[in-house]
Structure formats: C-alpha cells, structure tokens
Amino acid sequence: MGKSKEISQDLHKSGSSLGAISKHLKVPRSSVQTIVRKYKHHLSYRSGRKRVLSPRDECTLVRKVQINPRTAAKDLVKMLEETCTKISTSTLKRVLYRYNMKGRSARKKPLLQNCHKKARLRFATAHDDKDHTFWRNTADQLLARADAAKALAEEAANKGRSTYREAQDILGNLRDFDKRVNDNKTAAENAMKRIPEINATIAAANEKTKQAEGALGNADADAKEAKSKAEEAEKIASLAQKGSAKTKADAEKAFEDTRKLDGEVNNMMDQLSAAEAELAKKKAEADQDMMMASMVRVCLCASQMAPCVVHYF
C-alpha cells in the first residue's frame, strides 16, 4: 500500500481521474481520494509520524542490552532522557523486540549443570559413612555461625541507624546555624543601609550649628553696638543736663529707653545661650549616632572576617 501511494500521486499529476487510478491500482476509490486529499494538505504521502529513535539510538540500545542482558527497561529510558530523547517503556520494548530481544524473568535458582552434579556426588560419596550425630553437630555449627552472622548484622544495622540519627541531628544544627547567620547578615545589611541616613542627619546638624554660630555672632555685634549707643546717649544726657532741664528730661527718657534696649539685649543673649545649649545637645546626639554607626560597621567587618564555627548541642 505504501508504494501505491507514490504511484497514485504520479497518476493524479498526469491527469488521471480517481476512478481510473482506482482501477489501475486495484484499490478502493475512497483510498485514492484520501491519499490525494492528504497530499494536498500535508504535501507528503507518507503514513504516520517519524520514529522517535534514530537508527543510531536503536543500535546504542541493542549494544547496551547485549553487554548486560539484565538491564531494566526503566534504566534504558533514563539513559535516553539524559540525551534529551523522551520515550516510553512500551516503545522501548517494541524496539528491542524488533531486534529479537525479548524480556524474560531470571530464575531464582539456576539449573544444575554437570559440574554441580559431579560436586554433589563427590560430597555424598566422601560423607557416606557419617552417622546421624555428625550431621547434627554439623547442623549445630552451621546454625551457630548463622546466629553469629545475624548478631553481627543486627549490630551493624543498629550502628547504621545511630549514625543516621547523629547525621540528622548534625544536619538540623547546621540548618539552625545557617538560619542564624542569615538573620545576622540581614540585621547588618539593614544597619549598613541606615548609615547614609545617619550621615545626612549629622550634616544637617552641622549646618544648623553653623547657622546658630552666625546668628550668635550677629547678636553679639548688635549688643556691642547697642551698648556703645547707650554710652553715647549717657554722655549726651550728662552734657544736656548741664545745659537745660528739658534736655535733662529728654536725656533721662533716652537713658530709660537705653536701659529697656539693654534688657531686651540681655533677653536675646539668654535665648541665644539656650539655642547654643540645644545645638550642643543635638551635636552630642549626632556624635553618638556616628559612634553607633562605626560600631555597626566594625561588627559587620568582624562577622565577615571571623571563621565560621559550628556549635553542636
């Protein structure tokens, strides 16, 4: 049927009708119609899909089975998956079946060969004269050996279980230690992220300190100027007192105004002293924050440079 597909396509291209092709090839007309329709749609007259395995892959499988006939089909499927070839177990079995390789279950007890039969005959002939006591002692010795081997196996199993439990405990401790290290690392990273904020706060405090110092310098200059004006007014008042009572009254009034101005200046000086104390307090807090940032940076460097020590509890 596969070859007839090619011939039917050639006949159809030559201009033959579906009925003529059917009579010429002796196949049903519906089959010829299906082949022509598939060719128009797929531009191919082959049947089915391509094989999953290439001839090279099939040769590799056959060689693996010939080397080790006891290889399981699942192991061969895993081997093909490593080469990015996905295949089912049933497909693999069909490929091996084409190469006349059929799966069989191995005997639990192999058949006796001639060498085995001869060895058994020699053993029976050599121990033909032994009585029942000999065989009972021999059986007791074999049972004692079996019991000793069983005890050793149980001891080894107990040691293996205890070793497994110790390994699980150690693994749990290591996971706990890893978790604590990650927590400390997170805290250190958060502290490092706060360093720019602390530096910005310190810079703002320094700027405010400079502004306060500038304001304090201006207030001191104003106070000195007011004091000089007061002294000058006092001199003018003393001179005017000698000349006229009215001038004396004006001088006294000016002196009173000067005293009020001096009081205001003193009040301003007190306020400036309070502002200076507040600025000193803020500067001390900024220094303390800077010291804490330095301590955090030192702790972080020490945690990165210190060797990893595991404590077993």
C-alpha atoms as a PDB file:
ATOM      1  CA  MET A   1       0.000   0.000   0.000  1.00  0.00           C
ATOM      2  CA  GLY A   2       2.898   2.347   0.696  1.00  0.00           C
ATOM      3  CA  LYS A   3       4.252   2.087  -2.865  1.00  0.00           C
ATOM      4  CA  SER A   4       0.773   2.532  -4.338  1.00  0.00           C
ATOM      5  CA  LYS A   5       0.571   5.949  -2.677  1.00  0.00           C
ATOM      6  CA  GLU A   6       3.512   7.176  -4.709  1.00  0.00           C
ATOM      7  CA  ILE A   7       2.087   5.700  -7.936  1.00  0.00           C
ATOM      8  CA  SER A   8      -1.351   7.201  -7.275  1.00  0.00           C
ATOM      9  CA  GLN A   9       0.208  10.640  -6.846  1.00  0.00           C
ATOM     10  CA  ASP A  10       2.090  10.275 -10.118  1.00  0.00           C
ATOM     11  CA  LEU A  11      -1.074   9.181 -11.920  1.00  0.00           C
ATOM     12  CA  HIS A  12      -3.060  12.027 -10.395  1.00  0.00           C
ATOM     13  CA  LYS A  13      -0.436  14.541 -11.517  1.00  0.00           C
ATOM     14  CA  SER A  14      -0.559  13.078 -15.035  1.00  0.00           C
ATOM     15  CA  GLY A  15      -4.266  13.971 -15.198  1.00  0.00           C
ATOM     16  CA  SER A  16      -5.894  10.603 -14.453  1.00  0.00           C
ATOM     17  CA  SER A  17      -9.185  10.579 -12.605  1.00  0.00           C
ATOM     18  CA  LEU A  18      -9.725   8.970  -9.203  1.00  0.00           C
ATOM     19  CA  GLY A  19     -11.760   6.132 -10.730  1.00  0.00           C
ATOM     20  CA  ALA A  20      -9.078   5.374 -13.338  1.00  0.00           C
ATOM     21  CA  ILE A  21      -6.384   5.336 -10.675  1.00  0.00           C
ATOM     22  CA  SER A  22      -8.523   3.018  -8.530  1.00  0.00           C
ATOM     23  CA  LYS A  23      -8.998   0.552 -11.395  1.00  0.00           C
ATOM     24  CA  HIS A  24      -5.345   0.713 -12.396  1.00  0.00           C
ATOM     25  CA  LEU A  25      -4.009   0.056  -8.884  1.00  0.00           C
ATOM     26  CA  LYS A  26      -6.912  -2.190  -7.848  1.00  0.00           C
ATOM     27  CA  VAL A  27      -7.546  -0.249  -4.649  1.00  0.00           C
ATOM     28  CA  PRO A  28     -10.790   1.351  -3.418  1.00  0.00           C
ATOM     29  CA  ARG A  29     -11.644   4.746  -4.825  1.00  0.00           C
ATOM     30  CA  SER A  30     -12.044   6.118  -1.285  1.00  0.00           C
ATOM     31  CA  SER A  31      -8.428   5.183  -0.523  1.00  0.00           C
ATOM     32  CA  VAL A  32      -7.213   7.024  -3.615  1.00  0.00           C
ATOM     33  CA  GLN A  33      -9.312  10.047  -2.650  1.00  0.00           C
ATOM     34  CA  THR A  34      -7.921  10.026   0.912  1.00  0.00           C
ATOM     35  CA  ILE A  35      -4.328   9.828  -0.351  1.00  0.00           C
ATOM     36  CA  VAL A  36      -4.829  12.731  -2.749  1.00  0.00           C
ATOM     37  CA  ARG A  37      -6.533  14.853  -0.075  1.00  0.00           C
ATOM     38  CA  LYS A  38      -3.745  14.226   2.454  1.00  0.00           C
ATOM     39  CA  TYR A  39      -1.112  15.079  -0.122  1.00  0.00           C
ATOM     40  CA  LYS A  40      -2.809  18.382  -0.916  1.00  0.00           C
ATOM     41  CA  HIS A  41      -2.987  19.224   2.795  1.00  0.00           C
ATOM     42  CA  HIS A  42       0.387  17.936   4.063  1.00  0.00           C
ATOM     43  CA  LEU A  43       2.393  17.866   0.795  1.00  0.00           C
ATOM     44  CA  SER A  44       3.551  14.407   1.822  1.00  0.00           C
ATOM     45  CA  TYR A  45       2.256  10.911   1.077  1.00  0.00           C
ATOM     46  CA  ARG A  46       3.957   9.083   3.916  1.00  0.00           C
ATOM     47  CA  SER A  47       1.866   7.433   6.628  1.00  0.00           C
ATOM     48  CA  GLY A  48       2.255   8.107  10.351  1.00  0.00           C
ATOM     49  CA  ARG A  49       4.885  10.164  12.079  1.00  0.00           C
ATOM     50  CA  LYS A  50       8.655   9.837  12.232  1.00  0.00           C
ATOM     51  CA  ARG A  51      10.208   7.384  14.614  1.00  0.00           C
ATOM     52  CA  VAL A  52      11.267   8.745  17.971  1.00  0.00           C
ATOM     53  CA  LEU A  53      14.576   6.876  17.906  1.00  0.00           C
ATOM     54  CA  SER A  54      17.093   7.163  15.133  1.00  0.00           C
ATOM     55  CA  PRO A  55      18.915   4.056  13.825  1.00  0.00           C
ATOM     56  CA  ARG A  56      21.950   5.152  15.827  1.00  0.00           C
ATOM     57  CA  ASP A  57      19.904   5.297  19.047  1.00  0.00           C
ATOM     58  CA  GLU A  58      18.493   1.842  18.363  1.00  0.00           C
ATOM     59  CA  CYS A  59      21.997   0.435  17.828  1.00  0.00           C
ATOM     60  CA  THR A  60      23.081   2.008  21.123  1.00  0.00           C
ATOM     61  CA  LEU A  61      20.187   0.342  22.965  1.00  0.00           C
ATOM     62  CA  VAL A  62      20.898  -3.041  21.397  1.00  0.00           C
ATOM     63  CA  ARG A  63      24.579  -2.791  22.317  1.00  0.00           C
ATOM     64  CA  LYS A  64      23.721  -1.887  25.939  1.00  0.00           C
ATOM     65  CA  VAL A  65      21.400  -4.887  26.244  1.00  0.00           C
ATOM     66  CA  GLN A  66      23.942  -7.229  24.655  1.00  0.00           C
ATOM     67  CA  ILE A  67      26.599  -6.113  27.141  1.00  0.00           C
ATOM     68  CA  ASN A  68      24.269  -6.507  30.131  1.00  0.00           C
ATOM     69  CA  PRO A  69      21.141  -8.563  29.373  1.00  0.00           C
ATOM     70  CA  ARG A  70      19.803  -7.855  32.894  1.00  0.00           C
ATOM     71  CA  THR A  71      19.486  -4.115  32.212  1.00  0.00           C
ATOM     72  CA  ALA A  72      15.983  -2.913  33.100  1.00  0.00           C
ATOM     73  CA  ALA A  73      13.836  -1.033  30.606  1.00  0.00           C
ATOM     74  CA  LYS A  74      13.432   1.876  33.056  1.00  0.00           C
ATOM     75  CA  ASP A  75      17.219   2.303  33.217  1.00  0.00           C
ATOM     76  CA  LEU A  76      17.407   2.445  29.423  1.00  0.00           C
ATOM     77  CA  VAL A  77      14.615   5.051  29.355  1.00  0.00           C
ATOM     78  CA  LYS A  78      16.529   7.197  31.876  1.00  0.00           C
ATOM     79  CA  MET A  79      19.692   6.861  29.773  1.00  0.00           C
ATOM     80  CA  LEU A  80      17.809   8.167  26.724  1.00  0.00           C
ATOM     81  CA  GLU A  81      16.292  11.031  28.739  1.00  0.00           C
ATOM     82  CA  GLU A  82      19.832  12.199  29.565  1.00  0.00           C
ATOM     83  CA  THR A  83      20.358  12.665  25.807  1.00  0.00           C
ATOM     84  CA  CYS A  84      17.126  14.738  25.578  1.00  0.00           C
ATOM     85  CA  THR A  85      15.199  11.845  23.980  1.00  0.00           C
ATOM     86  CA  LYS A  86      11.857  11.165  25.652  1.00  0.00           C
ATOM     87  CA  ILE A  87      10.476   7.673  25.092  1.00  0.00           C
ATOM     88  CA  SER A  88       8.026   5.393  26.863  1.00  0.00           C
ATOM     89  CA  THR A  89       8.840   1.959  28.252  1.00  0.00           C
ATOM     90  CA  SER A  90       6.438   0.222  25.859  1.00  0.00           C
ATOM     91  CA  THR A  91       8.074   1.874  22.822  1.00  0.00           C
ATOM     92  CA  LEU A  92      11.492   0.797  24.086  1.00  0.00           C
ATOM     93  CA  LYS A  93      10.289  -2.796  24.442  1.00  0.00           C
ATOM     94  CA  ARG A  94       8.892  -2.766  20.894  1.00  0.00           C
ATOM     95  CA  VAL A  95      12.257  -1.549  19.549  1.00  0.00           C
ATOM     96  CA  LEU A  96      14.111  -4.362  21.331  1.00  0.00           C
ATOM     97  CA  TYR A  97      11.505  -6.868  20.161  1.00  0.00           C
ATOM     98  CA  ARG A  98      12.240  -5.930  16.540  1.00  0.00           C
ATOM     99  CA  TYR A  99      15.840  -6.993  17.198  1.00  0.00           C
ATOM    100  CA  ASN A 100      14.609 -10.322  18.635  1.00  0.00           C
ATOM    101  CA  MET A 101      15.373  -9.299  22.218  1.00  0.00           C
ATOM    102  CA  LYS A 102      12.531 -10.442  24.422  1.00  0.00           C
ATOM    103  CA  GLY A 103      12.257  -9.795  28.109  1.00  0.00           C
ATOM    104  CA  ARG A 104      12.396 -12.787  30.414  1.00  0.00           C
ATOM    105  CA  SER A 105      12.351 -13.155  34.195  1.00  0.00           C
ATOM    106  CA  ALA A 106      15.501 -14.794  35.561  1.00  0.00           C
ATOM    107  CA  ARG A 107      15.189 -17.955  37.626  1.00  0.00           C
ATOM    108  CA  LYS A 108      15.531 -17.520  41.345  1.00  0.00           C
ATOM    109  CA  LYS A 109      17.541 -20.763  41.453  1.00  0.00           C
ATOM    110  CA  PRO A 110      19.621 -21.608  38.370  1.00  0.00           C
ATOM    111  CA  LEU A 111      19.538 -25.101  36.898  1.00  0.00           C
ATOM    112  CA  LEU A 112      22.193 -27.583  37.963  1.00  0.00           C
ATOM    113  CA  GLN A 113      24.984 -28.048  35.483  1.00  0.00           C
ATOM    114  CA  ASN A 114      27.192 -31.119  35.099  1.00  0.00           C
ATOM    115  CA  CYS A 115      29.920 -29.620  37.307  1.00  0.00           C
ATOM    116  CA  HIS A 116      27.378 -29.049  40.086  1.00  0.00           C
ATOM    117  CA  LYS A 117      26.087 -32.608  39.833  1.00  0.00           C
ATOM    118  CA  LYS A 118      29.617 -34.051  39.983  1.00  0.00           C
ATOM    119  CA  ALA A 119      30.482 -31.904  43.012  1.00  0.00           C
ATOM    120  CA  ARG A 120      27.359 -33.086  44.832  1.00  0.00           C
ATOM    121  CA  LEU A 121      28.176 -36.701  44.019  1.00  0.00           C
ATOM    122  CA  ARG A 122      31.738 -36.320  45.345  1.00  0.00           C
ATOM    123  CA  PHE A 123      30.443 -34.747  48.566  1.00  0.00           C
ATOM    124  CA  ALA A 124      27.878 -37.538  49.103  1.00  0.00           C
ATOM    125  CA  THR A 125      30.466 -40.260  48.413  1.00  0.00           C
ATOM    126  CA  ALA A 126      33.004 -38.690  50.812  1.00  0.00           C
ATOM    127  CA  HIS A 127      30.454 -38.427  53.659  1.00  0.00           C
ATOM    128  CA  ASP A 128      28.568 -41.670  53.036  1.00  0.00           C
ATOM    129  CA  ASP A 129      29.861 -43.322  56.214  1.00  0.00           C
ATOM    130  CA  LYS A 130      28.946 -40.424  58.539  1.00  0.00           C
ATOM    131  CA  ASP A 131      26.286 -41.121  61.173  1.00  0.00           C
ATOM    132  CA  HIS A 132      23.369 -39.006  62.347  1.00  0.00           C
ATOM    133  CA  THR A 133      25.416 -37.417  65.188  1.00  0.00           C
ATOM    134  CA  PHE A 134      27.965 -35.998  62.740  1.00  0.00           C
ATOM    135  CA  TRP A 135      25.280 -34.363  60.661  1.00  0.00           C
ATOM    136  CA  ARG A 136      23.558 -32.998  63.765  1.00  0.00           C
ATOM    137  CA  ASN A 137      26.837 -31.468  65.012  1.00  0.00           C
ATOM    138  CA  THR A 138      27.471 -30.061  61.564  1.00  0.00           C
ATOM    139  CA  ALA A 139      23.986 -28.530  61.528  1.00  0.00           C
ATOM    140  CA  ASP A 140      24.558 -27.072  65.005  1.00  0.00           C
ATOM    141  CA  GLN A 141      27.827 -25.489  63.849  1.00  0.00           C
ATOM    142  CA  LEU A 142      26.137 -24.023  60.803  1.00  0.00           C
ATOM    143  CA  LEU A 143      23.306 -22.669  62.967  1.00  0.00           C
ATOM    144  CA  ALA A 144      25.843 -21.149  65.386  1.00  0.00           C
ATOM    145  CA  ARG A 145      27.630 -19.461  62.504  1.00  0.00           C
ATOM    146  CA  ALA A 146      24.318 -18.214  61.162  1.00  0.00           C
ATOM    147  CA  ASP A 147      23.354 -16.832  64.594  1.00  0.00           C
ATOM    148  CA  ALA A 148      26.743 -15.088  64.910  1.00  0.00           C
ATOM    149  CA  ALA A 149      26.372 -13.604  61.446  1.00  0.00           C
ATOM    150  CA  LYS A 150      22.834 -12.481  62.334  1.00  0.00           C
ATOM    151  CA  ALA A 151      24.100 -10.832  65.544  1.00  0.00           C
ATOM    152  CA  LEU A 152      26.832  -9.028  63.614  1.00  0.00           C
ATOM    153  CA  ALA A 153      24.310  -7.897  61.028  1.00  0.00           C
ATOM    154  CA  GLU A 154      21.940  -6.591  63.731  1.00  0.00           C
ATOM    155  CA  GLU A 155      24.814  -4.762  65.437  1.00  0.00           C
ATOM    156  CA  ALA A 156      25.845  -3.201  62.135  1.00  0.00           C
ATOM    157  CA  ALA A 157      22.229  -2.198  61.485  1.00  0.00           C
ATOM    158  CA  ASN A 158      21.973  -0.578  64.937  1.00  0.00           C
ATOM    159  CA  LYS A 159      25.207   1.315  64.354  1.00  0.00           C
ATOM    160  CA  GLY A 160      23.931   2.426  60.981  1.00  0.00           C
ATOM    161  CA  ARG A 161      20.673   3.689  62.497  1.00  0.00           C
ATOM    162  CA  SER A 162      22.520   5.555  65.268  1.00  0.00           C
ATOM    163  CA  THR A 163      24.877   7.081  62.708  1.00  0.00           C
ATOM    164  CA  TYR A 164      21.881   8.137  60.623  1.00  0.00           C
ATOM    165  CA  ARG A 165      20.252   9.793  63.651  1.00  0.00           C
ATOM    166  CA  GLU A 166      23.502  11.610  64.506  1.00  0.00           C
ATOM    167  CA  ALA A 167      23.764  12.800  60.910  1.00  0.00           C
ATOM    168  CA  GLN A 168      20.185  14.099  61.059  1.00  0.00           C
ATOM    169  CA  ASP A 169      20.939  15.954  64.330  1.00  0.00           C
ATOM    170  CA  ILE A 170      24.084  17.483  62.843  1.00  0.00           C
ATOM    171  CA  LEU A 171      22.146  18.496  59.742  1.00  0.00           C
ATOM    172  CA  GLY A 172      19.482  20.157  61.909  1.00  0.00           C
ATOM    173  CA  ASN A 173      22.146  22.059  63.858  1.00  0.00           C
ATOM    174  CA  LEU A 174      23.759  23.199  60.626  1.00  0.00           C
ATOM    175  CA  ARG A 175      20.418  24.412  59.293  1.00  0.00           C
ATOM    176  CA  ASP A 176      19.770  26.314  62.542  1.00  0.00           C
ATOM    177  CA  PHE A 177      23.236  27.874  62.379  1.00  0.00           C
ATOM    178  CA  ASP A 178      22.698  28.836  58.739  1.00  0.00           C
ATOM    179  CA  LYS A 179      19.392  30.476  59.668  1.00  0.00           C
ATOM    180  CA  ARG A 180      21.020  32.491  62.469  1.00  0.00           C
ATOM    181  CA  VAL A 181      23.835  33.581  60.156  1.00  0.00           C
ATOM    182  CA  ASN A 182      21.274  34.762  57.616  1.00  0.00           C
ATOM    183  CA  ASP A 183      19.397  36.693  60.335  1.00  0.00           C
ATOM    184  CA  ASN A 184      22.612  38.409  61.493  1.00  0.00           C
ATOM    185  CA  LYS A 185      23.501  39.182  57.906  1.00  0.00           C
ATOM    186  CA  THR A 186      20.087  40.777  57.368  1.00  0.00           C
ATOM    187  CA  ALA A 187      20.462  42.920  60.505  1.00  0.00           C
ATOM    188  CA  ALA A 188      23.938  44.043  59.416  1.00  0.00           C
ATOM    189  CA  GLU A 189      22.672  44.919  55.939  1.00  0.00           C
ATOM    190  CA  ASN A 190      19.841  46.970  57.456  1.00  0.00           C
ATOM    191  CA  ALA A 191      22.354  48.800  59.666  1.00  0.00           C
ATOM    192  CA  MET A 192      24.543  49.499  56.640  1.00  0.00           C
ATOM    193  CA  LYS A 193      21.514  50.888  54.814  1.00  0.00           C
ATOM    194  CA  ARG A 194      20.934  53.343  57.712  1.00  0.00           C
ATOM    195  CA  ILE A 195      24.468  54.773  57.519  1.00  0.00           C
ATOM    196  CA  PRO A 196      23.602  57.302  54.735  1.00  0.00           C
ATOM    197  CA  GLU A 197      20.597  58.465  56.769  1.00  0.00           C
ATOM    198  CA  ILE A 198      22.803  58.960  59.844  1.00  0.00           C
ATOM    199  CA  ASN A 199      25.379  60.850  57.773  1.00  0.00           C
ATOM    200  CA  ALA A 200      22.612  63.091  56.410  1.00  0.00           C
ATOM    201  CA  THR A 201      21.397  63.802  59.976  1.00  0.00           C
ATOM    202  CA  ILE A 202      24.941  64.697  61.054  1.00  0.00           C
ATOM    203  CA  ALA A 203      25.366  67.005  58.045  1.00  0.00           C
ATOM    204  CA  ALA A 204      22.043  68.722  58.859  1.00  0.00           C
ATOM    205  CA  ALA A 205      23.128  69.170  62.495  1.00  0.00           C
ATOM    206  CA  ASN A 206      26.437  70.678  61.381  1.00  0.00           C
ATOM    207  CA  GLU A 207      24.592  73.092  59.074  1.00  0.00           C
ATOM    208  CA  LYS A 208      22.273  74.163  61.891  1.00  0.00           C
ATOM    209  CA  THR A 209      25.294  74.646  64.154  1.00  0.00           C
ATOM    210  CA  LYS A 210      26.906  76.931  61.578  1.00  0.00           C
ATOM    211  CA  GLN A 211      23.676  78.919  61.249  1.00  0.00           C
ATOM    212  CA  ALA A 212      23.425  79.262  65.029  1.00  0.00           C
ATOM    213  CA  GLU A 213      27.035  80.395  65.272  1.00  0.00           C
ATOM    214  CA  GLY A 214      26.348  83.001  62.569  1.00  0.00           C
ATOM    215  CA  ALA A 215      23.220  84.209  64.400  1.00  0.00           C
ATOM    216  CA  LEU A 216      25.148  84.347  67.690  1.00  0.00           C
ATOM    217  CA  GLY A 217      27.870  86.446  66.055  1.00  0.00           C
ATOM    218  CA  ASN A 218      25.281  88.887  64.676  1.00  0.00           C
ATOM    219  CA  ALA A 219      23.579  89.175  68.084  1.00  0.00           C
ATOM    220  CA  ASP A 220      26.901  89.888  69.783  1.00  0.00           C
ATOM    221  CA  ALA A 221      27.627  92.658  67.274  1.00  0.00           C
ATOM    222  CA  ASP A 222      24.153  94.140  67.838  1.00  0.00           C
ATOM    223  CA  ALA A 223      24.671  94.038  71.604  1.00  0.00           C
ATOM    224  CA  LYS A 224      28.018  95.819  71.346  1.00  0.00           C
ATOM    225  CA  GLU A 225      26.507  98.444  69.063  1.00  0.00           C
ATOM    226  CA  ALA A 226      23.586  98.976  71.462  1.00  0.00           C
ATOM    227  CA  LYS A 227      25.964  99.301  74.393  1.00  0.00           C
ATOM    228  CA  SER A 228      28.055 101.856  72.557  1.00  0.00           C
ATOM    229  CA  LYS A 229      24.937 103.808  71.672  1.00  0.00           C
ATOM    230  CA  ALA A 230      23.821 103.684  75.303  1.00  0.00           C
ATOM    231  CA  GLU A 231      27.156 105.044  76.458  1.00  0.00           C
ATOM    232  CA  GLU A 232      26.970 107.740  73.836  1.00  0.00           C
ATOM    233  CA  ALA A 233      23.430 108.608  74.925  1.00  0.00           C
ATOM    234  CA  GLU A 234      24.561 108.743  78.531  1.00  0.00           C
ATOM    235  CA  LYS A 235      27.281 111.178  77.602  1.00  0.00           C
ATOM    236  CA  ILE A 236      24.839 113.307  75.642  1.00  0.00           C
ATOM    237  CA  ALA A 237      22.416 113.198  78.580  1.00  0.00           C
ATOM    238  CA  SER A 238      25.074 114.315  81.045  1.00  0.00           C
ATOM    239  CA  LEU A 239      26.040 117.208  78.789  1.00  0.00           C
ATOM    240  CA  ALA A 240      22.412 118.180  78.219  1.00  0.00           C
ATOM    241  CA  GLN A 241      21.709 118.044  81.987  1.00  0.00           C
ATOM    242  CA  LYS A 242      24.232 120.825  82.482  1.00  0.00           C
ATOM    243  CA  GLY A 243      22.592 122.959  79.828  1.00  0.00           C
ATOM    244  CA  SER A 244      18.818 122.615  80.349  1.00  0.00           C
ATOM    245  CA  ALA A 245      16.229 120.774  82.398  1.00  0.00           C
ATOM    246  CA  LYS A 246      14.318 119.871  79.264  1.00  0.00           C
ATOM    247  CA  THR A 247      17.418 118.370  77.804  1.00  0.00           C
ATOM    248  CA  LYS A 248      17.876 116.539  81.117  1.00  0.00           C
ATOM    249  CA  ALA A 249      14.363 115.130  80.893  1.00  0.00           C
ATOM    250  CA  ASP A 250      14.970 114.058  77.317  1.00  0.00           C
ATOM    251  CA  ALA A 251      18.269 112.528  78.364  1.00  0.00           C
ATOM    252  CA  GLU A 252      16.598 110.613  81.201  1.00  0.00           C
ATOM    253  CA  LYS A 253      13.973 109.346  78.788  1.00  0.00           C
ATOM    254  CA  ALA A 254      16.673 108.327  76.337  1.00  0.00           C
ATOM    255  CA  PHE A 255      18.545 106.638  79.180  1.00  0.00           C
ATOM    256  CA  GLU A 256      15.371 104.762  80.150  1.00  0.00           C
ATOM    257  CA  ASP A 257      14.914 103.644  76.554  1.00  0.00           C
ATOM    258  CA  THR A 258      18.524 102.580  76.520  1.00  0.00           C
ATOM    259  CA  ARG A 259      18.009 100.506  79.665  1.00  0.00           C
ATOM    260  CA  LYS A 260      14.998  98.818  78.062  1.00  0.00           C
ATOM    261  CA  LEU A 261      17.075  98.098  74.987  1.00  0.00           C
ATOM    262  CA  ASP A 262      19.800  96.680  77.219  1.00  0.00           C
ATOM    263  CA  GLY A 263      17.192  94.414  78.868  1.00  0.00           C
ATOM    264  CA  GLU A 264      15.998  93.230  75.505  1.00  0.00           C
ATOM    265  CA  VAL A 265      19.596  92.585  74.517  1.00  0.00           C
ATOM    266  CA  ASN A 266      20.128  90.552  77.705  1.00  0.00           C
ATOM    267  CA  ASN A 267      16.944  88.588  76.960  1.00  0.00           C
ATOM    268  CA  MET A 268      18.227  87.936  73.450  1.00  0.00           C
ATOM    269  CA  MET A 269      21.555  86.760  74.898  1.00  0.00           C
ATOM    270  CA  ASP A 270      19.691  84.333  77.167  1.00  0.00           C
ATOM    271  CA  GLN A 271      17.770  82.981  74.200  1.00  0.00           C
ATOM    272  CA  LEU A 272      21.000  82.609  72.256  1.00  0.00           C
ATOM    273  CA  SER A 273      22.556  80.730  75.193  1.00  0.00           C
ATOM    274  CA  ALA A 274      19.573  78.359  75.251  1.00  0.00           C
ATOM    275  CA  ALA A 275      19.859  77.857  71.481  1.00  0.00           C
ATOM    276  CA  GLU A 276      23.579  77.166  71.881  1.00  0.00           C
ATOM    277  CA  ALA A 277      22.859  74.567  74.576  1.00  0.00           C
ATOM    278  CA  GLU A 278      20.220  72.901  72.342  1.00  0.00           C
ATOM    279  CA  LEU A 279      22.675  72.835  69.452  1.00  0.00           C
ATOM    280  CA  ALA A 280      25.337  71.310  71.707  1.00  0.00           C
ATOM    281  CA  LYS A 281      22.830  68.622  72.744  1.00  0.00           C
ATOM    282  CA  LYS A 282      21.988  67.847  69.104  1.00  0.00           C
ATOM    283  CA  LYS A 283      25.671  67.717  68.246  1.00  0.00           C
ATOM    284  CA  ALA A 284      26.243  65.230  71.096  1.00  0.00           C
ATOM    285  CA  GLU A 285      23.364  63.078  69.791  1.00  0.00           C
ATOM    286  CA  ALA A 286      24.827  63.226  66.281  1.00  0.00           C
ATOM    287  CA  ASP A 287      28.240  62.173  67.651  1.00  0.00           C
ATOM    288  CA  GLN A 288      26.575  59.289  69.493  1.00  0.00           C
ATOM    289  CA  ASP A 289      24.776  58.171  66.283  1.00  0.00           C
ATOM    290  CA  MET A 290      28.077  58.360  64.393  1.00  0.00           C
ATOM    291  CA  MET A 291      29.757  56.237  67.067  1.00  0.00           C
ATOM    292  CA  MET A 292      26.942  53.646  66.839  1.00  0.00           C
ATOM    293  CA  ALA A 293      27.310  53.544  63.045  1.00  0.00           C
ATOM    294  CA  SER A 294      31.062  52.968  63.428  1.00  0.00           C
ATOM    295  CA  MET A 295      30.385  50.148  65.907  1.00  0.00           C
ATOM    296  CA  VAL A 296      27.916  48.541  63.475  1.00  0.00           C
ATOM    297  CA  ARG A 297      30.464  48.783  60.651  1.00  0.00           C
ATOM    298  CA  VAL A 298      33.176  47.215  62.841  1.00  0.00           C
ATOM    299  CA  CYS A 299      30.830  44.396  63.916  1.00  0.00           C
ATOM    300  CA  LEU A 300      29.903  43.717  60.296  1.00  0.00           C
ATOM    301  CA  CYS A 301      33.564  43.555  59.223  1.00  0.00           C
ATOM    302  CA  ALA A 302      34.356  41.279  62.170  1.00  0.00           C
ATOM    303  CA  SER A 303      31.467  38.940  61.289  1.00  0.00           C
ATOM    304  CA  GLN A 304      32.709  38.716  57.675  1.00  0.00           C
ATOM    305  CA  MET A 305      36.344  38.093  58.657  1.00  0.00           C
ATOM    306  CA  ALA A 306      35.701  35.758  61.589  1.00  0.00           C
ATOM    307  CA  PRO A 307      35.928  31.967  60.838  1.00  0.00           C
ATOM    308  CA  CYS A 308      32.687  30.008  60.749  1.00  0.00           C
ATOM    309  CA  VAL A 309      32.413  27.994  63.985  1.00  0.00           C
ATOM    310  CA  VAL A 310      29.724  25.331  64.317  1.00  0.00           C
ATOM    311  CA  HIS A 311      28.460  24.542  67.839  1.00  0.00           C
ATOM    312  CA  TYR A 312      26.921  21.140  68.331  1.00  0.00           C
ATOM    313  CA  PHE A 313      24.309  20.951  71.025  1.00  0.00           C
END
